[in-house]
């Protein structure tokens, strides 16, 4: 059983519902403004974190591919040396 990484978990569903209820029920524009700014800051932080994680994953994958390419090259060179001997 695989977990869909884009599917919202139970905790996130409750958090989304809580924020939605706060926004729907709020009648004070200042509270709405503060809520919107707080949510904007959270979204911005999440985007930065997501970009950083994607960058680190890409760097890690590139490092693995470089190691693999080096091993293949070394094996190929050894095979050539063995066939010449």
N, C-alpha and C. Protein backbone atom coordinates (compact mmCIF):
# COMPACT_ATOMS: atom_id res chain seq x y z
N UNK A 1 0.85 -1.18 0.00
CA UNK A 1 0.00 0.00 0.00
C UNK A 1 0.89 1.24 0.00
N UNK A 2 0.76 2.09 -1.03
CA UNK A 2 1.56 3.31 -1.08
C UNK A 2 0.72 4.49 -0.61
N UNK A 3 1.43 5.48 -0.10
CA UNK A 3 0.77 6.68 0.40
C UNK A 3 0.97 7.79 -0.63
N UNK A 4 -0.12 8.43 -1.03
CA UNK A 4 -0.04 9.53 -1.97
C UNK A 4 0.52 10.75 -1.24
N UNK A 5 1.71 11.23 -1.66
CA UNK A 5 2.34 12.34 -0.94
C UNK A 5 1.55 13.65 -1.04
N UNK A 6 0.66 13.74 -2.03
CA UNK A 6 -0.12 14.96 -2.19
C UNK A 6 -1.47 14.90 -1.49
N UNK A 7 -1.81 13.73 -0.99
CA UNK A 7 -3.09 13.60 -0.28
C UNK A 7 -2.95 14.19 1.11
N UNK A 8 -3.92 14.98 1.49
CA UNK A 8 -3.89 15.65 2.78
C UNK A 8 -4.15 14.64 3.90
N UNK A 9 -3.29 14.67 4.91
CA UNK A 9 -3.46 13.79 6.05
C UNK A 9 -4.54 14.28 6.99
N UNK A 10 -4.87 13.47 7.96
CA UNK A 10 -5.94 13.80 8.90
C UNK A 10 -5.62 15.08 9.67
N UNK A 11 -4.39 15.21 10.13
CA UNK A 11 -4.01 16.41 10.89
C UNK A 11 -4.14 17.66 10.03
N UNK A 12 -3.70 17.57 8.77
CA UNK A 12 -3.81 18.72 7.87
C UNK A 12 -5.28 19.03 7.56
N UNK A 13 -6.10 17.99 7.45
CA UNK A 13 -7.53 18.21 7.20
C UNK A 13 -8.17 18.98 8.35
N UNK A 14 -7.83 18.59 9.57
CA UNK A 14 -8.36 19.31 10.73
C UNK A 14 -7.88 20.76 10.76
N UNK A 15 -6.60 20.94 10.44
CA UNK A 15 -6.04 22.30 10.43
C UNK A 15 -6.72 23.16 9.37
N UNK A 16 -6.94 22.58 8.19
CA UNK A 16 -7.61 23.31 7.11
C UNK A 16 -9.04 23.66 7.52
N UNK A 17 -9.72 22.70 8.12
CA UNK A 17 -11.10 22.95 8.58
C UNK A 17 -11.13 24.04 9.64
N UNK A 18 -10.16 24.01 10.56
CA UNK A 18 -10.10 25.02 11.63
C UNK A 18 -9.91 26.42 11.03
N UNK A 19 -8.96 26.55 10.08
CA UNK A 19 -8.73 27.85 9.46
C UNK A 19 -9.96 28.29 8.67
N UNK A 20 -10.58 27.37 7.94
CA UNK A 20 -11.77 27.70 7.17
C UNK A 20 -12.91 28.18 8.04
N UNK A 21 -13.10 27.51 9.17
CA UNK A 21 -14.15 27.91 10.10
C UNK A 21 -13.86 29.30 10.67
N UNK A 22 -12.61 29.55 11.02
CA UNK A 22 -12.23 30.86 11.55
C UNK A 22 -12.53 31.96 10.54
N UNK A 23 -12.17 31.71 9.28
CA UNK A 23 -12.38 32.71 8.24
C UNK A 23 -13.88 32.91 7.97
N UNK A 24 -14.62 31.81 7.85
CA UNK A 24 -16.07 31.93 7.57
C UNK A 24 -16.82 32.63 8.69
N UNK A 25 -16.45 32.34 9.92
CA UNK A 25 -17.20 32.88 11.06
C UNK A 25 -16.74 34.26 11.50
N UNK A 26 -15.59 34.70 11.01
CA UNK A 26 -15.04 35.98 11.47
C UNK A 26 -15.78 37.16 10.84
N UNK A 27 -16.08 38.13 11.68
CA UNK A 27 -16.76 39.33 11.21
C UNK A 27 -15.91 40.57 11.39
N UNK A 28 -14.72 40.41 11.95
CA UNK A 28 -13.82 41.53 12.20
C UNK A 28 -12.74 41.56 11.12
N UNK A 29 -12.70 42.66 10.35
CA UNK A 29 -11.76 42.78 9.23
C UNK A 29 -10.31 42.72 9.70
N UNK A 30 -10.00 43.25 10.87
CA UNK A 30 -8.61 43.20 11.38
C UNK A 30 -8.19 41.77 11.67
N UNK A 31 -9.09 40.99 12.25
CA UNK A 31 -8.79 39.59 12.52
C UNK A 31 -8.59 38.83 11.21
N UNK A 32 -9.43 39.13 10.22
CA UNK A 32 -9.28 38.49 8.91
C UNK A 32 -7.95 38.87 8.27
N UNK A 33 -7.59 40.13 8.40
CA UNK A 33 -6.32 40.61 7.84
C UNK A 33 -5.14 39.88 8.50
N UNK A 34 -5.15 39.79 9.83
CA UNK A 34 -4.09 39.10 10.56
C UNK A 34 -4.03 37.62 10.18
N UNK A 35 -5.20 37.02 10.04
CA UNK A 35 -5.27 35.61 9.64
C UNK A 35 -4.68 35.42 8.25
N UNK A 36 -5.07 36.28 7.32
CA UNK A 36 -4.57 36.19 5.95
C UNK A 36 -3.05 36.36 5.91
N UNK A 37 -2.53 37.31 6.65
CA UNK A 37 -1.08 37.53 6.67
C UNK A 37 -0.35 36.34 7.30
N UNK A 38 -0.93 35.76 8.32
CA UNK A 38 -0.34 34.58 8.95
C UNK A 38 -0.31 33.41 7.97
N UNK A 39 -1.42 33.20 7.27
CA UNK A 39 -1.47 32.12 6.29
C UNK A 39 -0.51 32.37 5.14
N UNK A 40 -0.39 33.61 4.70
CA UNK A 40 0.54 33.97 3.64
C UNK A 40 1.98 33.66 4.05
N UNK A 41 2.31 33.99 5.28
CA UNK A 41 3.65 33.70 5.78
C UNK A 41 3.90 32.18 5.82
N UNK A 42 2.91 31.42 6.26
CA UNK A 42 3.05 29.96 6.30
C UNK A 42 3.24 29.37 4.91
N UNK A 43 2.46 29.85 3.95
CA UNK A 43 2.59 29.36 2.57
C UNK A 43 3.97 29.69 2.02
N UNK A 44 4.44 30.89 2.29
CA UNK A 44 5.76 31.30 1.83
C UNK A 44 6.85 30.41 2.42
N UNK A 45 6.77 30.14 3.71
CA UNK A 45 7.75 29.28 4.37
C UNK A 45 7.70 27.86 3.81
N UNK A 46 6.50 27.37 3.53
CA UNK A 46 6.36 26.03 2.97
C UNK A 46 6.97 25.96 1.57
N UNK A 47 6.79 27.01 0.77
CA UNK A 47 7.37 27.03 -0.57
C UNK A 47 8.90 27.02 -0.50
N UNK A 48 9.44 27.81 0.41
CA UNK A 48 10.90 27.84 0.58
C UNK A 48 11.41 26.47 1.00
N UNK A 49 10.73 25.86 1.97
CA UNK A 49 11.14 24.54 2.45
C UNK A 49 11.03 23.50 1.34
N UNK A 50 9.96 23.57 0.57
CA UNK A 50 9.75 22.62 -0.53
C UNK A 50 10.85 22.77 -1.59
N UNK A 51 11.18 24.00 -1.93
CA UNK A 51 12.24 24.26 -2.91
C UNK A 51 13.57 23.74 -2.40
N UNK A 52 13.86 23.98 -1.12
CA UNK A 52 15.12 23.51 -0.53
C UNK A 52 15.18 21.98 -0.55
N UNK A 53 14.09 21.33 -0.17
CA UNK A 53 14.07 19.86 -0.16
C UNK A 53 14.24 19.30 -1.57
N UNK A 54 13.60 19.91 -2.55
CA UNK A 54 13.73 19.44 -3.93
C UNK A 54 15.17 19.62 -4.41
N UNK A 55 15.78 20.71 -4.03
CA UNK A 55 17.17 20.97 -4.41
C UNK A 55 18.10 19.94 -3.78
N UNK A 56 17.90 19.66 -2.50
CA UNK A 56 18.73 18.66 -1.81
C UNK A 56 18.53 17.27 -2.41
N UNK A 57 17.31 16.92 -2.75
CA UNK A 57 17.04 15.62 -3.36
C UNK A 57 17.73 15.52 -4.71
N UNK A 58 17.69 16.59 -5.48
CA UNK A 58 18.35 16.61 -6.78
C UNK A 58 19.86 16.49 -6.63
N UNK A 59 20.43 17.21 -5.68
CA UNK A 59 21.87 17.12 -5.42
C UNK A 59 22.26 15.71 -5.02
N UNK A 60 21.47 15.09 -4.18
CA UNK A 60 21.74 13.73 -3.74
C UNK A 60 21.68 12.76 -4.91
N UNK A 61 20.67 12.91 -5.75
CA UNK A 61 20.53 12.03 -6.91
C UNK A 61 21.69 12.23 -7.87
N UNK A 62 22.10 13.47 -8.08
CA UNK A 62 23.24 13.75 -8.96
C UNK A 62 24.52 13.13 -8.41
N UNK A 63 24.73 13.20 -7.11
CA UNK A 63 25.91 12.61 -6.49
C UNK A 63 25.91 11.09 -6.69
N UNK A 64 24.76 10.46 -6.52
CA UNK A 64 24.67 9.02 -6.75
C UNK A 64 24.99 8.66 -8.20
N UNK A 65 24.46 9.45 -9.13
CA UNK A 65 24.71 9.19 -10.55
C UNK A 65 26.19 9.38 -10.89
N UNK A 66 26.83 10.37 -10.28
CA UNK A 66 28.26 10.58 -10.51
C UNK A 66 29.07 9.40 -9.99
N UNK A 67 28.73 8.89 -8.83
CA UNK A 67 29.42 7.72 -8.27
C UNK A 67 29.21 6.51 -9.18
N UNK A 68 28.00 6.31 -9.64
CA UNK A 68 27.69 5.19 -10.53
C UNK A 68 28.48 5.32 -11.83
N UNK A 69 28.53 6.52 -12.40
CA UNK A 69 29.28 6.73 -13.65
C UNK A 69 30.77 6.44 -13.43
N UNK A 70 31.29 6.84 -12.31
CA UNK A 70 32.71 6.58 -11.99
C UNK A 70 32.96 5.08 -11.87
N UNK A 71 32.08 4.36 -11.20
CA UNK A 71 32.23 2.92 -11.06
C UNK A 71 32.16 2.21 -12.42
N UNK A 72 31.24 2.64 -13.25
CA UNK A 72 31.11 2.05 -14.59
C UNK A 72 32.37 2.31 -15.40
N UNK A 73 32.88 3.53 -15.32
CA UNK A 73 34.11 3.88 -16.05
C UNK A 73 35.28 3.04 -15.56
N UNK A 74 35.43 2.90 -14.23
CA UNK A 74 36.52 2.10 -13.67
C UNK A 74 36.40 0.65 -14.11
N UNK A 75 35.21 0.10 -14.08
CA UNK A 75 35.00 -1.29 -14.48
C UNK A 75 35.33 -1.46 -15.96
N UNK A 76 34.92 -0.49 -16.77
CA UNK A 76 35.20 -0.54 -18.20
C UNK A 76 36.70 -0.50 -18.47
N UNK A 77 37.41 0.36 -17.74
CA UNK A 77 38.86 0.46 -17.90
C UNK A 77 39.54 -0.83 -17.47
N UNK A 78 39.07 -1.44 -16.38
CA UNK A 78 39.66 -2.71 -15.92
C UNK A 78 39.41 -3.83 -16.95
N UNK A 79 38.22 -3.84 -17.53
CA UNK A 79 37.89 -4.85 -18.52
C UNK A 79 38.79 -4.69 -19.74
N UNK A 80 39.05 -3.46 -20.16
CA UNK A 80 39.95 -3.21 -21.29
C UNK A 80 41.36 -3.67 -20.97
N UNK A 81 41.83 -3.37 -19.76
CA UNK A 81 43.17 -3.78 -19.35
C UNK A 81 43.28 -5.30 -19.31
N UNK A 82 42.25 -5.97 -18.80
CA UNK A 82 42.26 -7.43 -18.72
C UNK A 82 42.27 -8.06 -20.11
N UNK A 83 41.55 -7.47 -21.05
CA UNK A 83 41.48 -8.05 -22.39
C UNK A 83 42.76 -7.79 -23.17
N UNK A 84 43.52 -6.77 -22.82
CA UNK A 84 44.80 -6.47 -23.48
C UNK A 84 45.92 -7.32 -22.92
N UNK A 85 45.74 -7.82 -21.72
CA UNK A 85 46.81 -8.60 -21.08
C UNK A 85 46.89 -10.01 -21.55
